[in-house]
Amino acid sequence: MAVYTHLGAEELAELIAHYDVGDLVSAKGIAEGVSNSNWLLETTGGGEPGTRFILTMYERRIELRDLPFFLKLLDHLADKGCPVPRTIHDNTGAAFRMIDGKAVALIEYLPGVSVDHPTPGQAHSVGAALANNHLAVADFPETRWNDLGLAGWDNTLQNCGEEGLASIDPSLPAIVFPQLEAFAGDWPGGLPHGVVHCDLFPDNVLMLGDEVSGLIDFYFAATDFFAYDLAVTHAAWSFERGGKVYREDISNALLEGYQSVRPLSLAEIEAFPVLARGACMRFIASRAEDWLNTPDDAMVARKDPMDFVHRLRFYDEAGAKVFQGAR
């Protein structure tokens, strides 16, 4: 989440008038994240102030043609009882509207807080929630190509160029390009798959104590291996900020939580090391692109791709050992 586009009170009030949510009371920009502009809105709802929603304006990486897919996925998962926010449809039944050529959607607000230093209990709940999502998409009828897969990483890093990558860290070009070559022969096939989140970082999970109250920001969701989605989540949760310190207790709890709902096959476990390396490469690529292209005046904190270089090195060395402590 971030704020790239600034909307005034009059524009926001005019937009909210198209929804059956009462009158606009307040709006606050949300600075976290890198891809969209977001606001926390409060409306009168049923007549009293205090009803909250998230308003998202889609700015980067999201094609308008993909937006119905993302919003239908939210509603599908919510209907299945997953802790996922529903889309609020406007008075014509539309799931999104257009402002100055950009799509905006109003999303249900869910309570809870994102954690910076998760406990094993929280990690266990996240693993179980992710597995429930994977079961819930069994009858979701739509698919979407993962444009941030192998070909996407290669294209993004090539566009950044050696000079651009070296401006982030002099060692980065020599790290990423050999890895890309290795993935061409190592990437697995034939694993269980479906529509997955692909971006389940701690700031995309809301917690109430040890319980997951919300899974949010599904705008990188695509059809891919369930085990790859777990690898993305493992890489995002199992390290301290900066990626240099591995938390084995969080790793074990996350994997145990997932397998308490959906046990992994032997093929998935064997493929996990390369999937985890791929997860790191995906975020090295996207963070490098954002680092080089985020406007200086955007209300957004850039994220260092080197954080995931450290995680990549861990998975290179650890291999399947990450499963040794998980039951």
C-alpha atoms as a PDB file:
ATOM      1  CA  MET A   1       0.000   0.000   0.000  1.00  0.00           C
ATOM      2  CA  ALA A   2       1.082   3.577  -0.628  1.00  0.00           C
ATOM      3  CA  VAL A   3      -0.165   6.949  -1.842  1.00  0.00           C
ATOM      4  CA  TYR A   4       0.914   8.030  -5.323  1.00  0.00           C
ATOM      5  CA  THR A   5      -2.210   9.993  -6.271  1.00  0.00           C
ATOM      6  CA  HIS A   6      -3.743  12.608  -3.993  1.00  0.00           C
ATOM      7  CA  LEU A   7      -7.538  12.851  -3.875  1.00  0.00           C
ATOM      8  CA  GLY A   8      -9.199  15.808  -2.169  1.00  0.00           C
ATOM      9  CA  ALA A   9     -12.092  15.632   0.274  1.00  0.00           C
ATOM     10  CA  GLU A  10     -14.568  16.692  -2.407  1.00  0.00           C
ATOM     11  CA  GLU A  11     -13.421  13.976  -4.814  1.00  0.00           C
ATOM     12  CA  LEU A  12     -13.601  11.317  -2.113  1.00  0.00           C
ATOM     13  CA  ALA A  13     -17.044  12.441  -0.952  1.00  0.00           C
ATOM     14  CA  GLU A  14     -18.320  12.398  -4.527  1.00  0.00           C
ATOM     15  CA  LEU A  15     -16.979   8.866  -4.986  1.00  0.00           C
ATOM     16  CA  ILE A  16     -18.509   7.580  -1.747  1.00  0.00           C
ATOM     17  CA  ALA A  17     -21.886   8.969  -2.793  1.00  0.00           C
ATOM     18  CA  HIS A  18     -22.036   6.147  -5.367  1.00  0.00           C
ATOM     19  CA  TYR A  19     -22.064   3.537  -2.580  1.00  0.00           C
ATOM     20  CA  ASP A  20     -24.644   2.685   0.044  1.00  0.00           C
ATOM     21  CA  VAL A  21     -22.235   3.321   2.917  1.00  0.00           C
ATOM     22  CA  GLY A  22     -23.375   6.687   4.242  1.00  0.00           C
ATOM     23  CA  ASP A  23     -21.476   9.958   4.084  1.00  0.00           C
ATOM     24  CA  LEU A  24     -17.718  10.400   4.229  1.00  0.00           C
ATOM     25  CA  VAL A  25     -16.471  11.386   7.701  1.00  0.00           C
ATOM     26  CA  SER A  26     -12.681  11.150   7.296  1.00  0.00           C
ATOM     27  CA  ALA A  27      -9.967   9.834   4.992  1.00  0.00           C
ATOM     28  CA  LYS A  28      -6.341   9.008   5.772  1.00  0.00           C
ATOM     29  CA  GLY A  29      -3.658   7.958   3.307  1.00  0.00           C
ATOM     30  CA  ILE A  30      -1.820   4.713   4.034  1.00  0.00           C
ATOM     31  CA  ALA A  31       1.932   4.834   3.427  1.00  0.00           C
ATOM     32  CA  GLU A  32       2.914   1.129   3.534  1.00  0.00           C
ATOM     33  CA  GLY A  33       3.641  -0.852   0.389  1.00  0.00           C
ATOM     34  CA  VAL A  34       4.706   0.065  -3.117  1.00  0.00           C
ATOM     35  CA  SER A  35       2.093  -0.604  -5.799  1.00  0.00           C
ATOM     36  CA  ASN A  36      -1.235   1.162  -5.178  1.00  0.00           C
ATOM     37  CA  SER A  37      -2.630   4.279  -3.533  1.00  0.00           C
ATOM     38  CA  ASN A  38      -4.715   3.479  -0.450  1.00  0.00           C
ATOM     39  CA  TRP A  39      -6.865   5.348   2.039  1.00  0.00           C
ATOM     40  CA  LEU A  40      -8.602   4.380   5.247  1.00  0.00           C
ATOM     41  CA  LEU A  41     -12.088   5.868   5.030  1.00  0.00           C
ATOM     42  CA  GLU A  42     -14.628   6.381   7.767  1.00  0.00           C
ATOM     43  CA  THR A  43     -18.291   6.901   6.882  1.00  0.00           C
ATOM     44  CA  THR A  44     -21.573   7.322   8.710  1.00  0.00           C
ATOM     45  CA  GLY A  45     -22.568   3.811   7.669  1.00  0.00           C
ATOM     46  CA  GLY A  46     -25.960   3.103   9.194  1.00  0.00           C
ATOM     47  CA  GLY A  47     -26.260   6.679  10.427  1.00  0.00           C
ATOM     48  CA  GLU A  48     -23.458   6.885  12.986  1.00  0.00           C
ATOM     49  CA  PRO A  49     -19.785   7.651  12.332  1.00  0.00           C
ATOM     50  CA  GLY A  50     -17.346   4.789  12.702  1.00  0.00           C
ATOM     51  CA  THR A  51     -17.911   2.485   9.709  1.00  0.00           C
ATOM     52  CA  ARG A  52     -14.544   1.902   8.012  1.00  0.00           C
ATOM     53  CA  PHE A  53     -13.469   0.857   4.544  1.00  0.00           C
ATOM     54  CA  ILE A  54     -10.263   0.654   2.522  1.00  0.00           C
ATOM     55  CA  LEU A  55     -10.221   2.556  -0.763  1.00  0.00           C
ATOM     56  CA  THR A  56      -7.626   1.403  -3.298  1.00  0.00           C
ATOM     57  CA  MET A  57      -6.558   3.167  -6.475  1.00  0.00           C
ATOM     58  CA  TYR A  58      -4.668   0.823  -8.785  1.00  0.00           C
ATOM     59  CA  GLU A  59      -1.462   2.504  -9.910  1.00  0.00           C
ATOM     60  CA  ARG A  60       1.255   0.038 -10.904  1.00  0.00           C
ATOM     61  CA  ARG A  61       1.694  -3.562 -12.111  1.00  0.00           C
ATOM     62  CA  ILE A  62      -2.070  -4.146 -12.135  1.00  0.00           C
ATOM     63  CA  GLU A  63      -3.751  -4.234 -15.533  1.00  0.00           C
ATOM     64  CA  LEU A  64      -7.356  -3.095 -15.651  1.00  0.00           C
ATOM     65  CA  ARG A  65      -8.311  -6.334 -17.389  1.00  0.00           C
ATOM     66  CA  ASP A  66      -7.088  -8.289 -14.326  1.00  0.00           C
ATOM     67  CA  LEU A  67      -9.056  -6.315 -11.752  1.00  0.00           C
ATOM     68  CA  PRO A  68     -12.328  -8.293 -12.031  1.00  0.00           C
ATOM     69  CA  PHE A  69     -10.307 -11.456 -11.365  1.00  0.00           C
ATOM     70  CA  PHE A  70      -8.800 -10.053  -8.160  1.00  0.00           C
ATOM     71  CA  LEU A  71     -12.102  -8.732  -6.844  1.00  0.00           C
ATOM     72  CA  LYS A  72     -14.000 -11.955  -7.660  1.00  0.00           C
ATOM     73  CA  LEU A  73     -11.288 -13.884  -5.808  1.00  0.00           C
ATOM     74  CA  LEU A  74     -11.799 -11.761  -2.688  1.00  0.00           C
ATOM     75  CA  ASP A  75     -15.528 -12.397  -2.739  1.00  0.00           C
ATOM     76  CA  HIS A  76     -15.056 -16.125  -3.411  1.00  0.00           C
ATOM     77  CA  LEU A  77     -12.683 -16.595  -0.481  1.00  0.00           C
ATOM     78  CA  ALA A  78     -14.884 -14.526   1.825  1.00  0.00           C
ATOM     79  CA  ASP A  79     -17.881 -16.657   0.834  1.00  0.00           C
ATOM     80  CA  LYS A  80     -15.844 -19.747   1.774  1.00  0.00           C
ATOM     81  CA  GLY A  81     -15.295 -18.381   5.279  1.00  0.00           C
ATOM     82  CA  CYS A  82     -11.673 -17.339   4.785  1.00  0.00           C
ATOM     83  CA  PRO A  83     -10.644 -14.158   6.650  1.00  0.00           C
ATOM     84  CA  VAL A  84     -10.557 -12.091   3.456  1.00  0.00           C
ATOM     85  CA  PRO A  85     -12.218  -8.674   2.910  1.00  0.00           C
ATOM     86  CA  ARG A  86     -15.197  -8.492   0.590  1.00  0.00           C
ATOM     87  CA  THR A  87     -15.503  -6.039  -2.249  1.00  0.00           C
ATOM     88  CA  ILE A  88     -18.107  -3.304  -1.687  1.00  0.00           C
ATOM     89  CA  HIS A  89     -20.129  -2.924  -4.884  1.00  0.00           C
ATOM     90  CA  ASP A  90     -21.509   0.461  -5.893  1.00  0.00           C
ATOM     91  CA  ASN A  91     -25.174   1.339  -6.401  1.00  0.00           C
ATOM     92  CA  THR A  92     -25.088  -0.089  -9.936  1.00  0.00           C
ATOM     93  CA  GLY A  93     -23.527  -3.367  -8.772  1.00  0.00           C
ATOM     94  CA  ALA A  94     -20.067  -2.551 -10.136  1.00  0.00           C
ATOM     95  CA  ALA A  95     -17.064  -3.819  -8.183  1.00  0.00           C
ATOM     96  CA  PHE A  96     -14.881  -0.851  -9.176  1.00  0.00           C
ATOM     97  CA  ARG A  97     -15.142   2.655 -10.610  1.00  0.00           C
ATOM     98  CA  MET A  98     -12.877   4.931 -12.629  1.00  0.00           C
ATOM     99  CA  ILE A  99     -11.368   8.268 -11.549  1.00  0.00           C
ATOM    100  CA  ASP A 100      -9.269  10.187 -14.075  1.00  0.00           C
ATOM    101  CA  GLY A 101      -8.514   7.011 -15.970  1.00  0.00           C
ATOM    102  CA  LYS A 102      -7.570   4.968 -12.886  1.00  0.00           C
ATOM    103  CA  ALA A 103      -9.617   2.185 -11.312  1.00  0.00           C
ATOM    104  CA  VAL A 104     -10.674   2.423  -7.664  1.00  0.00           C
ATOM    105  CA  ALA A 105     -12.339  -0.176  -5.462  1.00  0.00           C
ATOM    106  CA  LEU A 106     -13.910   0.028  -2.016  1.00  0.00           C
ATOM    107  CA  ILE A 107     -13.002  -2.922   0.177  1.00  0.00           C
ATOM    108  CA  GLU A 108     -14.316  -4.168   3.508  1.00  0.00           C
ATOM    109  CA  TYR A 109     -12.216  -3.092   6.490  1.00  0.00           C
ATOM    110  CA  LEU A 110     -11.103  -5.937   8.748  1.00  0.00           C
ATOM    111  CA  PRO A 111      -9.899  -5.444  12.339  1.00  0.00           C
ATOM    112  CA  GLY A 112      -6.470  -6.487  13.507  1.00  0.00           C
ATOM    113  CA  VAL A 113      -2.854  -5.415  13.378  1.00  0.00           C
ATOM    114  CA  SER A 114       0.143  -6.508  11.332  1.00  0.00           C
ATOM    115  CA  VAL A 115       3.030  -7.837  13.404  1.00  0.00           C
ATOM    116  CA  ASP A 116       6.700  -6.956  12.997  1.00  0.00           C
ATOM    117  CA  HIS A 117       8.034  -9.728  15.236  1.00  0.00           C
ATOM    118  CA  PRO A 118       5.679 -12.726  14.995  1.00  0.00           C
ATOM    119  CA  THR A 119       5.341 -15.404  17.636  1.00  0.00           C
ATOM    120  CA  PRO A 120       5.305 -19.115  16.775  1.00  0.00           C
ATOM    121  CA  GLY A 121       1.592 -19.161  17.609  1.00  0.00           C
ATOM    122  CA  GLN A 122       0.941 -16.428  15.075  1.00  0.00           C
ATOM    123  CA  ALA A 123       3.082 -18.160  12.452  1.00  0.00           C
ATOM    124  CA  HIS A 124       1.174 -21.421  13.014  1.00  0.00           C
ATOM    125  CA  SER A 125      -2.130 -19.595  12.449  1.00  0.00           C
ATOM    126  CA  VAL A 126      -0.806 -17.968   9.273  1.00  0.00           C
ATOM    127  CA  GLY A 127       0.276 -21.337   7.889  1.00  0.00           C
ATOM    128  CA  ALA A 128      -3.154 -22.824   8.602  1.00  0.00           C
ATOM    129  CA  ALA A 129      -4.936 -19.817   7.067  1.00  0.00           C
ATOM    130  CA  LEU A 130      -2.826 -20.080   3.918  1.00  0.00           C
ATOM    131  CA  ALA A 131      -3.622 -23.793   3.586  1.00  0.00           C
ATOM    132  CA  ASN A 132      -7.339 -23.069   4.018  1.00  0.00           C
ATOM    133  CA  ASN A 133      -7.096 -20.559   1.180  1.00  0.00           C
ATOM    134  CA  HIS A 134      -5.528 -23.230  -1.003  1.00  0.00           C
ATOM    135  CA  LEU A 135      -8.392 -25.614  -0.268  1.00  0.00           C
ATOM    136  CA  ALA A 136     -10.986 -22.877  -0.814  1.00  0.00           C
ATOM    137  CA  VAL A 137      -9.914 -22.125  -4.394  1.00  0.00           C
ATOM    138  CA  ALA A 138     -10.624 -25.678  -5.560  1.00  0.00           C
ATOM    139  CA  ASP A 139     -13.868 -24.514  -7.185  1.00  0.00           C
ATOM    140  CA  PHE A 140     -12.800 -20.992  -8.125  1.00  0.00           C
ATOM    141  CA  PRO A 141     -13.488 -21.029 -11.872  1.00  0.00           C
ATOM    142  CA  GLU A 142     -10.942 -18.474 -13.075  1.00  0.00           C
ATOM    143  CA  THR A 143      -7.209 -18.592 -13.677  1.00  0.00           C
ATOM    144  CA  ARG A 144      -4.515 -15.969 -14.166  1.00  0.00           C
ATOM    145  CA  TRP A 145      -1.024 -16.313 -15.582  1.00  0.00           C
ATOM    146  CA  ASN A 146       1.655 -15.427 -13.037  1.00  0.00           C
ATOM    147  CA  ASP A 147       3.441 -12.576 -14.793  1.00  0.00           C
ATOM    148  CA  LEU A 148       5.887 -12.403 -11.865  1.00  0.00           C
ATOM    149  CA  GLY A 149       7.150 -15.911 -12.449  1.00  0.00           C
ATOM    150  CA  LEU A 150      10.439 -17.025 -14.011  1.00  0.00           C
ATOM    151  CA  ALA A 151      10.012 -15.062 -17.230  1.00  0.00           C
ATOM    152  CA  GLY A 152       8.892 -12.016 -15.272  1.00  0.00           C
ATOM    153  CA  TRP A 153      11.966 -12.051 -13.003  1.00  0.00           C
ATOM    154  CA  ASP A 154      14.262 -12.301 -15.998  1.00  0.00           C
ATOM    155  CA  ASN A 155      12.526  -9.488 -17.863  1.00  0.00           C
ATOM    156  CA  THR A 156      12.459  -7.214 -14.805  1.00  0.00           C
ATOM    157  CA  LEU A 157      16.134  -7.729 -13.974  1.00  0.00           C
ATOM    158  CA  GLN A 158      17.194  -7.317 -17.587  1.00  0.00           C
ATOM    159  CA  ASN A 159      15.267  -4.031 -17.700  1.00  0.00           C
ATOM    160  CA  CYS A 160      17.003  -2.872 -14.513  1.00  0.00           C
ATOM    161  CA  GLY A 161      20.306  -3.609 -16.228  1.00  0.00           C
ATOM    162  CA  GLU A 162      23.701  -4.300 -14.717  1.00  0.00           C
ATOM    163  CA  GLU A 163      24.366  -0.621 -14.147  1.00  0.00           C
ATOM    164  CA  GLY A 164      21.031  -0.069 -12.391  1.00  0.00           C
ATOM    165  CA  LEU A 165      21.445  -3.151 -10.203  1.00  0.00           C
ATOM    166  CA  ALA A 166      24.986  -2.163  -9.317  1.00  0.00           C
ATOM    167  CA  SER A 167      23.744   1.256  -8.225  1.00  0.00           C
ATOM    168  CA  ILE A 168      21.715  -0.547  -5.547  1.00  0.00           C
ATOM    169  CA  ASP A 169      24.615  -2.786  -4.513  1.00  0.00           C
ATOM    170  CA  PRO A 170      27.805  -3.496  -6.485  1.00  0.00           C
ATOM    171  CA  SER A 171      27.457  -7.246  -5.864  1.00  0.00           C
ATOM    172  CA  LEU A 172      23.886  -7.550  -7.119  1.00  0.00           C
ATOM    173  CA  PRO A 173      24.451  -8.224 -10.867  1.00  0.00           C
ATOM    174  CA  ALA A 174      26.883 -11.075 -10.167  1.00  0.00           C
ATOM    175  CA  ILE A 175      24.348 -12.650  -7.798  1.00  0.00           C
ATOM    176  CA  VAL A 176      21.125 -12.492  -9.784  1.00  0.00           C
ATOM    177  CA  PHE A 177      22.122 -13.350 -13.343  1.00  0.00           C
ATOM    178  CA  PRO A 178      23.757 -16.735 -12.540  1.00  0.00           C
ATOM    179  CA  GLN A 179      20.720 -17.602 -10.405  1.00  0.00           C
ATOM    180  CA  LEU A 180      18.404 -16.896 -13.346  1.00  0.00           C
ATOM    181  CA  GLU A 181      20.383 -19.329 -15.488  1.00  0.00           C
ATOM    182  CA  ALA A 182      20.166 -22.030 -12.820  1.00  0.00           C
ATOM    183  CA  PHE A 183      16.381 -21.752 -12.489  1.00  0.00           C
ATOM    184  CA  ALA A 184      15.918 -22.669 -16.153  1.00  0.00           C
ATOM    185  CA  GLY A 185      16.945 -26.249 -15.376  1.00  0.00           C
ATOM    186  CA  ASP A 186      15.879 -26.542 -11.747  1.00  0.00           C
ATOM    187  CA  TRP A 187      12.276 -25.301 -11.699  1.00  0.00           C
ATOM    188  CA  PRO A 188       9.820 -28.153 -10.932  1.00  0.00           C
ATOM    189  CA  GLY A 189       6.653 -29.089 -12.770  1.00  0.00           C
ATOM    190  CA  GLY A 190       3.457 -31.002 -12.085  1.00  0.00           C
ATOM    191  CA  LEU A 191       2.911 -29.915  -8.486  1.00  0.00           C
ATOM    192  CA  PRO A 192      -0.573 -29.235  -7.054  1.00  0.00           C
ATOM    193  CA  HIS A 193      -1.669 -25.779  -8.079  1.00  0.00           C
ATOM    194  CA  GLY A 194      -4.471 -23.218  -8.057  1.00  0.00           C
ATOM    195  CA  VAL A 195      -4.960 -19.520  -7.510  1.00  0.00           C
ATOM    196  CA  VAL A 196      -2.539 -18.396  -4.788  1.00  0.00           C
ATOM    197  CA  HIS A 197      -1.742 -15.147  -2.958  1.00  0.00           C
ATOM    198  CA  CYS A 198       1.957 -14.853  -3.964  1.00  0.00           C
ATOM    199  CA  ASP A 199       2.664 -11.940  -1.579  1.00  0.00           C
ATOM    200  CA  LEU A 200       1.709 -12.987   1.969  1.00  0.00           C
ATOM    201  CA  PHE A 201       4.106 -10.795   3.950  1.00  0.00           C
ATOM    202  CA  PRO A 202       3.423  -9.934   7.593  1.00  0.00           C
ATOM    203  CA  ASP A 203       2.026  -6.550   6.534  1.00  0.00           C
ATOM    204  CA  ASN A 204      -0.583  -8.383   4.445  1.00  0.00           C
ATOM    205  CA  VAL A 205      -1.847 -10.344   7.462  1.00  0.00           C
ATOM    206  CA  LEU A 206      -3.967  -8.887  10.259  1.00  0.00           C
ATOM    207  CA  MET A 207      -3.785 -10.565  13.660  1.00  0.00           C
ATOM    208  CA  LEU A 208      -5.916 -10.451  16.789  1.00  0.00           C
ATOM    209  CA  GLY A 209      -3.645 -12.080  19.335  1.00  0.00           C
ATOM    210  CA  ASP A 210      -2.519 -15.369  17.819  1.00  0.00           C
ATOM    211  CA  GLU A 211      -5.489 -15.566  15.440  1.00  0.00           C
ATOM    212  CA  VAL A 212      -5.549 -14.403  11.831  1.00  0.00           C
ATOM    213  CA  SER A 213      -8.316 -11.817  11.411  1.00  0.00           C
ATOM    214  CA  GLY A 214      -7.518 -10.787   7.852  1.00  0.00           C
ATOM    215  CA  LEU A 215      -5.531 -11.736   4.764  1.00  0.00           C
ATOM    216  CA  ILE A 216      -5.292  -8.720   2.481  1.00  0.00           C
ATOM    217  CA  ASP A 217      -3.687  -7.328  -0.695  1.00  0.00           C
ATOM    218  CA  PHE A 218      -4.374 -10.120  -3.186  1.00  0.00           C
ATOM    219  CA  TYR A 219      -3.284  -8.040  -6.182  1.00  0.00           C
ATOM    220  CA  PHE A 220      -0.420 -10.353  -7.143  1.00  0.00           C
ATOM    221  CA  ALA A 221      -2.642 -13.453  -6.963  1.00  0.00           C
ATOM    222  CA  ALA A 222      -2.174 -15.873  -9.835  1.00  0.00           C
ATOM    223  CA  THR A 223      -2.342 -19.523 -10.758  1.00  0.00           C
ATOM    224  CA  ASP A 224       0.772 -21.246  -9.445  1.00  0.00           C
ATOM    225  CA  PHE A 225       1.983 -24.084  -7.242  1.00  0.00           C
ATOM    226  CA  PHE A 226       0.560 -24.133  -3.715  1.00  0.00           C
ATOM    227  CA  ALA A 227       4.041 -25.033  -2.470  1.00  0.00           C
ATOM    228  CA  TYR A 228       5.448 -21.930  -4.165  1.00  0.00           C
ATOM    229  CA  ASP A 229       2.923 -19.776  -2.306  1.00  0.00           C
ATOM    230  CA  LEU A 230       4.038 -21.453   0.918  1.00  0.00           C
ATOM    231  CA  ALA A 231       7.676 -20.783  -0.022  1.00  0.00           C
ATOM    232  CA  VAL A 232       6.909 -17.090  -0.580  1.00  0.00           C
ATOM    233  CA  THR A 233       5.243 -16.937   2.824  1.00  0.00           C
ATOM    234  CA  HIS A 234       8.104 -18.844   4.459  1.00  0.00           C
ATOM    235  CA  ALA A 235      10.683 -16.439   3.024  1.00  0.00           C
ATOM    236  CA  ALA A 236       8.599 -13.456   4.126  1.00  0.00           C
ATOM    237  CA  TRP A 237       7.985 -14.633   7.712  1.00  0.00           C
ATOM    238  CA  SER A 238      10.966 -16.739   8.781  1.00  0.00           C
ATOM    239  CA  PHE A 239      13.633 -14.027   8.942  1.00  0.00           C
ATOM    240  CA  GLU A 240      14.264 -10.937  10.999  1.00  0.00           C
ATOM    241  CA  ARG A 241      14.053  -7.607   9.203  1.00  0.00           C
ATOM    242  CA  GLY A 242      16.998  -7.330   6.844  1.00  0.00           C
ATOM    243  CA  GLY A 243      16.998 -11.059   6.047  1.00  0.00           C
ATOM    244  CA  LYS A 244      20.228 -11.963   7.840  1.00  0.00           C
ATOM    245  CA  VAL A 245      18.748 -13.762  10.884  1.00  0.00           C
ATOM    246  CA  TYR A 246      16.742 -16.945  10.329  1.00  0.00           C
ATOM    247  CA  ARG A 247      14.057 -17.780  12.893  1.00  0.00           C
ATOM    248  CA  GLU A 248      13.784 -21.545  13.030  1.00  0.00           C
ATOM    249  CA  ASP A 249      10.921 -21.382  15.549  1.00  0.00           C
ATOM    250  CA  ILE A 250       8.813 -19.338  13.125  1.00  0.00           C
ATOM    251  CA  SER A 251       9.734 -21.603  10.211  1.00  0.00           C
ATOM    252  CA  ASN A 252       8.722 -24.732  12.096  1.00  0.00           C
ATOM    253  CA  ALA A 253       5.460 -23.228  13.333  1.00  0.00           C
ATOM    254  CA  LEU A 254       4.489 -21.930   9.898  1.00  0.00           C
ATOM    255  CA  LEU A 255       5.143 -25.269   8.204  1.00  0.00           C
ATOM    256  CA  GLU A 256       3.373 -27.190  10.972  1.00  0.00           C
ATOM    257  CA  GLY A 257       0.357 -24.886  10.758  1.00  0.00           C
ATOM    258  CA  TYR A 258       0.122 -25.321   7.013  1.00  0.00           C
ATOM    259  CA  GLN A 259       0.421 -29.102   7.137  1.00  0.00           C
ATOM    260  CA  SER A 260      -2.151 -29.343   9.923  1.00  0.00           C
ATOM    261  CA  VAL A 261      -4.690 -28.361   7.247  1.00  0.00           C
ATOM    262  CA  ARG A 262      -3.088 -29.483   3.982  1.00  0.00           C
ATOM    263  CA  PRO A 263      -0.192 -31.965   4.254  1.00  0.00           C
ATOM    264  CA  LEU A 264       2.485 -31.487   1.617  1.00  0.00           C
ATOM    265  CA  SER A 265       3.371 -34.293  -0.769  1.00  0.00           C
ATOM    266  CA  LEU A 266       6.909 -35.666  -0.928  1.00  0.00           C
ATOM    267  CA  ALA A 267       7.330 -34.005  -4.333  1.00  0.00           C
ATOM    268  CA  GLU A 268       6.372 -30.636  -2.847  1.00  0.00           C
ATOM    269  CA  ILE A 269       8.826 -31.021   0.025  1.00  0.00           C
ATOM    270  CA  GLU A 270      11.623 -32.020  -2.351  1.00  0.00           C
ATOM    271  CA  ALA A 271      10.878 -29.013  -4.574  1.00  0.00           C
ATOM    272  CA  PHE A 272      10.699 -26.570  -1.685  1.00  0.00           C
ATOM    273  CA  PRO A 273      14.363 -25.423  -1.722  1.00  0.00           C
ATOM    274  CA  VAL A 274      14.246 -24.285  -5.351  1.00  0.00           C
ATOM    275  CA  LEU A 275      10.775 -22.775  -4.842  1.00  0.00           C
ATOM    276  CA  ALA A 276      12.104 -20.791  -1.891  1.00  0.00           C
ATOM    277  CA  ARG A 277      15.052 -19.550  -3.929  1.00  0.00           C
ATOM    278  CA  GLY A 278      12.581 -18.534  -6.608  1.00  0.00           C
ATOM    279  CA  ALA A 279      10.512 -16.663  -4.055  1.00  0.00           C
ATOM    280  CA  CYS A 280      13.612 -14.688  -3.090  1.00  0.00           C
ATOM    281  CA  MET A 281      14.423 -13.938  -6.717  1.00  0.00           C
ATOM    282  CA  ARG A 282      10.897 -12.684  -7.323  1.00  0.00           C
ATOM    283  CA  PHE A 283      11.269 -10.074  -4.572  1.00  0.00           C
ATOM    284  CA  ILE A 284      14.823  -9.166  -5.489  1.00  0.00           C
ATOM    285  CA  ALA A 285      13.531  -8.369  -8.980  1.00  0.00           C
ATOM    286  CA  SER A 286      10.430  -6.417  -7.988  1.00  0.00           C
ATOM    287  CA  ARG A 287      12.197  -4.502  -5.227  1.00  0.00           C
ATOM    288  CA  ALA A 288      15.065  -3.586  -7.550  1.00  0.00           C
ATOM    289  CA  GLU A 289      12.569  -2.259 -10.084  1.00  0.00           C
ATOM    290  CA  ASP A 290      10.741  -0.271  -7.398  1.00  0.00           C
ATOM    291  CA  TRP A 291      14.023   1.038  -5.974  1.00  0.00           C
ATOM    292  CA  LEU A 292      15.024   2.409  -9.349  1.00  0.00           C
ATOM    293  CA  ASN A 293      11.597   3.730 -10.404  1.00  0.00           C
ATOM    294  CA  THR A 294       9.755   4.997  -7.310  1.00  0.00           C
ATOM    295  CA  PRO A 295       9.281   8.788  -7.560  1.00  0.00           C
ATOM    296  CA  ASP A 296      11.129  10.750  -4.896  1.00  0.00           C
ATOM    297  CA  ASP A 297       7.936  12.585  -3.902  1.00  0.00           C
ATOM    298  CA  ALA A 298       5.789   9.444  -3.517  1.00  0.00           C
ATOM    299  CA  MET A 299       4.506   8.790   0.003  1.00  0.00           C
ATOM    300  CA  VAL A 300       6.082   5.347   0.110  1.00  0.00           C
ATOM    301  CA  ALA A 301       9.088   3.690   1.735  1.00  0.00           C
ATOM    302  CA  ARG A 302      11.302   1.853  -0.763  1.00  0.00           C
ATOM    303  CA  LYS A 303      12.301  -1.692   0.217  1.00  0.00           C
ATOM    304  CA  ASP A 304      15.857  -2.950  -0.117  1.00  0.00           C
ATOM    305  CA  PRO A 305      16.248  -5.909  -2.517  1.00  0.00           C
ATOM    306  CA  MET A 306      19.382  -6.978  -0.634  1.00  0.00           C
ATOM    307  CA  ASP A 307      17.116  -8.199   2.182  1.00  0.00           C
ATOM    308  CA  PHE A 308      16.148 -11.066  -0.100  1.00  0.00           C
ATOM    309  CA  VAL A 309      19.674 -11.665  -1.327  1.00  0.00           C
ATOM    310  CA  HIS A 310      20.493 -12.674   2.267  1.00  0.00           C
ATOM    311  CA  ARG A 311      17.496 -15.033   2.317  1.00  0.00           C
ATOM    312  CA  LEU A 312      18.470 -16.464  -1.059  1.00  0.00           C
ATOM    313  CA  ARG A 313      21.901 -17.331   0.319  1.00  0.00           C
ATOM    314  CA  PHE A 314      20.274 -19.069   3.286  1.00  0.00           C
ATOM    315  CA  TYR A 315      18.122 -21.278   1.058  1.00  0.00           C
ATOM    316  CA  ASP A 316      21.129 -22.055  -1.151  1.00  0.00           C
ATOM    317  CA  GLU A 317      22.892 -23.475   1.895  1.00  0.00           C
ATOM    318  CA  ALA A 318      19.984 -24.938   3.884  1.00  0.00           C
ATOM    319  CA  GLY A 319      18.176 -26.862   1.164  1.00  0.00           C
ATOM    320  CA  ALA A 320      15.566 -29.255   2.580  1.00  0.00           C
ATOM    321  CA  LYS A 321      16.868 -28.761   6.123  1.00  0.00           C
ATOM    322  CA  VAL A 322      14.126 -26.195   6.732  1.00  0.00           C
ATOM    323  CA  PHE A 323      11.708 -29.119   7.197  1.00  0.00           C
ATOM    324  CA  GLN A 324      13.795 -30.997   9.758  1.00  0.00           C
ATOM    325  CA  GLY A 325      12.234 -29.327  12.798  1.00  0.00           C
ATOM    326  CA  ALA A 326       8.671 -29.256  11.437  1.00  0.00           C
ATOM    327  CA  ARG A 327       6.427 -32.157  12.256  1.00  0.00           C
END
